[in-house]
């Protein structure tokens, strides 16, 4: 893989990850409430209690390998 393909792959991966992050952040910024509160409200009391933290963990997985390289 050449350096241009590497840069293109990183940009594509960031774009793929950026879209769900923006969709998750929009209700919180619009109404001023944290994400777990939105998740509990939209999925109910029975399912929503464990969903708020689970979505955050899934979002963090693509960024975990980037943290040591950047920092």
N, C-alpha and C. Protein backbone atom coordinates (compact mmCIF):
# COMPACT_ATOMS: atom_id res chain seq x y z
N UNK A 1 0.84 -1.16 0.00
CA UNK A 1 0.00 0.00 0.00
C UNK A 1 0.89 1.24 0.00
N UNK A 2 0.63 2.12 -0.92
CA UNK A 2 1.41 3.36 -0.99
C UNK A 2 0.90 4.34 0.06
N UNK A 3 1.61 5.44 0.22
CA UNK A 3 1.22 6.41 1.23
C UNK A 3 -0.09 7.10 0.85
N UNK A 4 -0.36 7.27 -0.44
CA UNK A 4 -1.62 7.90 -0.84
C UNK A 4 -2.81 6.98 -0.55
N UNK A 5 -2.61 5.68 -0.77
CA UNK A 5 -3.68 4.74 -0.42
C UNK A 5 -3.90 4.69 1.08
N UNK A 6 -2.82 4.79 1.85
CA UNK A 6 -2.94 4.81 3.31
C UNK A 6 -3.70 6.03 3.80
N UNK A 7 -3.38 7.18 3.24
CA UNK A 7 -4.08 8.41 3.63
C UNK A 7 -5.55 8.31 3.23
N UNK A 8 -5.82 7.79 2.04
CA UNK A 8 -7.20 7.63 1.60
C UNK A 8 -7.98 6.66 2.48
N UNK A 9 -7.32 5.59 2.91
CA UNK A 9 -7.97 4.62 3.79
C UNK A 9 -8.29 5.23 5.14
N UNK A 10 -7.37 6.00 5.69
CA UNK A 10 -7.60 6.65 6.98
C UNK A 10 -8.74 7.66 6.85
N UNK A 11 -8.76 8.45 5.79
CA UNK A 11 -9.83 9.42 5.60
C UNK A 11 -11.19 8.74 5.44
N UNK A 12 -11.23 7.64 4.71
CA UNK A 12 -12.48 6.90 4.54
C UNK A 12 -12.96 6.31 5.87
N UNK A 13 -12.04 5.76 6.64
CA UNK A 13 -12.40 5.22 7.95
C UNK A 13 -12.92 6.30 8.89
N UNK A 14 -12.28 7.46 8.87
CA UNK A 14 -12.75 8.56 9.71
C UNK A 14 -14.13 9.05 9.28
N UNK A 15 -14.38 9.09 7.98
CA UNK A 15 -15.68 9.50 7.48
C UNK A 15 -16.76 8.50 7.88
N UNK A 16 -16.46 7.21 7.78
CA UNK A 16 -17.42 6.19 8.17
C UNK A 16 -17.74 6.28 9.65
N UNK A 17 -16.75 6.59 10.46
CA UNK A 17 -16.96 6.70 11.90
C UNK A 17 -17.63 8.03 12.28
N UNK A 18 -17.39 9.06 11.49
CA UNK A 18 -17.91 10.39 11.81
C UNK A 18 -19.43 10.46 11.69
N UNK A 19 -20.00 9.79 10.70
CA UNK A 19 -21.43 9.88 10.47
C UNK A 19 -22.24 9.38 11.66
N UNK A 20 -22.00 8.16 12.20
CA UNK A 20 -22.79 7.76 13.37
C UNK A 20 -22.53 8.62 14.61
N UNK A 21 -21.32 9.14 14.74
CA UNK A 21 -21.03 9.99 15.89
C UNK A 21 -21.83 11.29 15.84
N UNK A 22 -21.95 11.86 14.66
CA UNK A 22 -22.73 13.09 14.51
C UNK A 22 -24.20 12.81 14.76
N UNK A 23 -24.70 11.68 14.24
CA UNK A 23 -26.11 11.34 14.46
C UNK A 23 -26.39 11.08 15.94
N UNK A 24 -25.44 10.52 16.66
CA UNK A 24 -25.63 10.30 18.09
C UNK A 24 -25.54 11.59 18.89
N UNK A 25 -24.73 12.53 18.45
CA UNK A 25 -24.50 13.76 19.21
C UNK A 25 -25.58 14.81 18.97
N UNK A 26 -26.28 14.72 17.86
CA UNK A 26 -27.24 15.77 17.51
C UNK A 26 -28.34 15.98 18.55
N UNK A 27 -29.03 14.92 19.03
CA UNK A 27 -30.08 15.18 20.03
C UNK A 27 -29.53 15.79 21.32
N UNK A 28 -28.34 15.38 21.73
CA UNK A 28 -27.77 15.92 22.95
C UNK A 28 -27.45 17.40 22.85
N UNK A 29 -26.92 17.80 21.71
CA UNK A 29 -26.60 19.22 21.55
C UNK A 29 -27.86 20.05 21.32
N UNK A 30 -28.87 19.46 20.71
CA UNK A 30 -30.10 20.20 20.45
C UNK A 30 -30.88 20.46 21.73
N UNK A 31 -30.97 19.43 22.60
CA UNK A 31 -31.77 19.56 23.81
C UNK A 31 -30.95 19.77 25.07
N UNK A 32 -29.64 19.66 24.98
CA UNK A 32 -28.77 19.93 26.12
C UNK A 32 -28.76 18.85 27.18
N UNK A 33 -28.97 17.60 26.77
CA UNK A 33 -28.95 16.48 27.72
C UNK A 33 -27.87 15.50 27.29
N UNK A 34 -27.29 14.74 28.24
CA UNK A 34 -26.25 13.78 27.88
C UNK A 34 -26.81 12.60 27.09
N UNK A 35 -25.93 11.91 26.39
CA UNK A 35 -26.34 10.80 25.53
C UNK A 35 -27.06 9.68 26.26
N UNK A 36 -26.60 9.22 27.43
CA UNK A 36 -27.32 8.13 28.09
C UNK A 36 -28.78 8.47 28.40
N UNK A 37 -29.08 9.73 28.68
CA UNK A 37 -30.46 10.13 28.95
C UNK A 37 -31.30 9.98 27.68
N UNK A 38 -30.74 10.39 26.54
CA UNK A 38 -31.45 10.24 25.26
C UNK A 38 -31.67 8.76 24.96
N UNK A 39 -30.67 7.93 25.21
CA UNK A 39 -30.80 6.50 24.92
C UNK A 39 -31.87 5.86 25.79
N UNK A 40 -31.91 6.22 27.06
CA UNK A 40 -32.93 5.66 27.95
C UNK A 40 -34.32 6.12 27.54
N UNK A 41 -34.43 7.36 27.13
CA UNK A 41 -35.75 7.88 26.75
C UNK A 41 -36.25 7.23 25.45
N UNK A 42 -35.36 6.97 24.53
CA UNK A 42 -35.80 6.44 23.24
C UNK A 42 -35.98 4.93 23.25
N UNK A 43 -35.32 4.20 24.16
CA UNK A 43 -35.44 2.75 24.19
C UNK A 43 -36.23 2.24 25.39
N UNK A 44 -36.71 3.11 26.26
CA UNK A 44 -37.53 2.70 27.38
C UNK A 44 -36.70 2.34 28.60
N UNK A 45 -37.38 2.08 29.69
CA UNK A 45 -36.71 1.79 30.96
C UNK A 45 -36.09 0.40 30.95
N UNK A 46 -36.77 -0.58 30.38
CA UNK A 46 -36.29 -1.97 30.44
C UNK A 46 -35.04 -2.18 29.60
N UNK A 47 -35.01 -1.64 28.40
CA UNK A 47 -33.88 -1.84 27.49
C UNK A 47 -32.87 -0.70 27.60
N UNK A 48 -33.34 0.51 27.80
CA UNK A 48 -32.49 1.69 27.74
C UNK A 48 -31.49 1.83 28.86
N UNK A 49 -31.67 1.12 29.99
CA UNK A 49 -30.76 1.31 31.12
C UNK A 49 -29.35 0.85 30.79
N UNK A 50 -29.16 -0.14 29.93
CA UNK A 50 -27.82 -0.61 29.61
C UNK A 50 -27.33 -0.16 28.25
N UNK A 51 -28.18 0.48 27.48
CA UNK A 51 -27.83 0.84 26.12
C UNK A 51 -26.94 2.07 26.05
N UNK A 52 -27.08 3.00 26.96
CA UNK A 52 -26.32 4.26 26.88
C UNK A 52 -24.82 4.05 26.89
N UNK A 53 -24.33 3.23 27.80
CA UNK A 53 -22.90 2.97 27.87
C UNK A 53 -22.42 2.05 26.76
N UNK A 54 -23.27 1.15 26.31
CA UNK A 54 -22.89 0.21 25.26
C UNK A 54 -22.61 0.89 23.93
N UNK A 55 -23.42 1.89 23.60
CA UNK A 55 -23.19 2.62 22.35
C UNK A 55 -21.89 3.40 22.41
N UNK A 56 -21.57 3.94 23.57
CA UNK A 56 -20.30 4.67 23.70
C UNK A 56 -19.11 3.74 23.51
N UNK A 57 -19.22 2.52 24.04
CA UNK A 57 -18.12 1.56 23.88
C UNK A 57 -17.93 1.19 22.42
N UNK A 58 -19.01 1.01 21.70
CA UNK A 58 -18.92 0.67 20.28
C UNK A 58 -18.30 1.82 19.50
N UNK A 59 -18.63 3.04 19.85
CA UNK A 59 -18.05 4.19 19.17
C UNK A 59 -16.56 4.34 19.46
N UNK A 60 -16.13 3.96 20.65
CA UNK A 60 -14.72 4.11 21.02
C UNK A 60 -13.82 3.09 20.33
N UNK A 61 -14.36 1.94 19.94
CA UNK A 61 -13.53 0.87 19.37
C UNK A 61 -12.72 1.32 18.15
N UNK A 62 -13.28 2.05 17.18
CA UNK A 62 -12.45 2.47 16.04
C UNK A 62 -11.35 3.46 16.43
N UNK A 63 -11.54 4.23 17.50
CA UNK A 63 -10.56 5.24 17.87
C UNK A 63 -9.47 4.72 18.79
N UNK A 64 -9.67 3.53 19.39
CA UNK A 64 -8.69 2.99 20.31
C UNK A 64 -7.30 2.82 19.69
N UNK A 65 -7.17 2.29 18.47
CA UNK A 65 -5.82 2.17 17.89
C UNK A 65 -5.19 3.53 17.53
N UNK A 66 -6.00 4.56 17.35
CA UNK A 66 -5.47 5.87 16.96
C UNK A 66 -4.84 6.61 18.13
N UNK A 67 -5.31 6.37 19.33
CA UNK A 67 -4.87 7.14 20.49
C UNK A 67 -3.35 7.00 20.74
N UNK A 68 -2.77 5.78 20.74
CA UNK A 68 -1.32 5.69 20.96
C UNK A 68 -0.50 6.32 19.82
N UNK A 69 -1.03 6.26 18.61
CA UNK A 69 -0.29 6.83 17.48
C UNK A 69 -0.29 8.33 17.49
N UNK A 70 -1.37 8.95 17.94
CA UNK A 70 -1.47 10.39 17.94
C UNK A 70 -0.83 10.99 19.18
N UNK A 71 -1.08 10.37 20.32
CA UNK A 71 -0.65 10.96 21.58
C UNK A 71 0.72 10.55 21.96
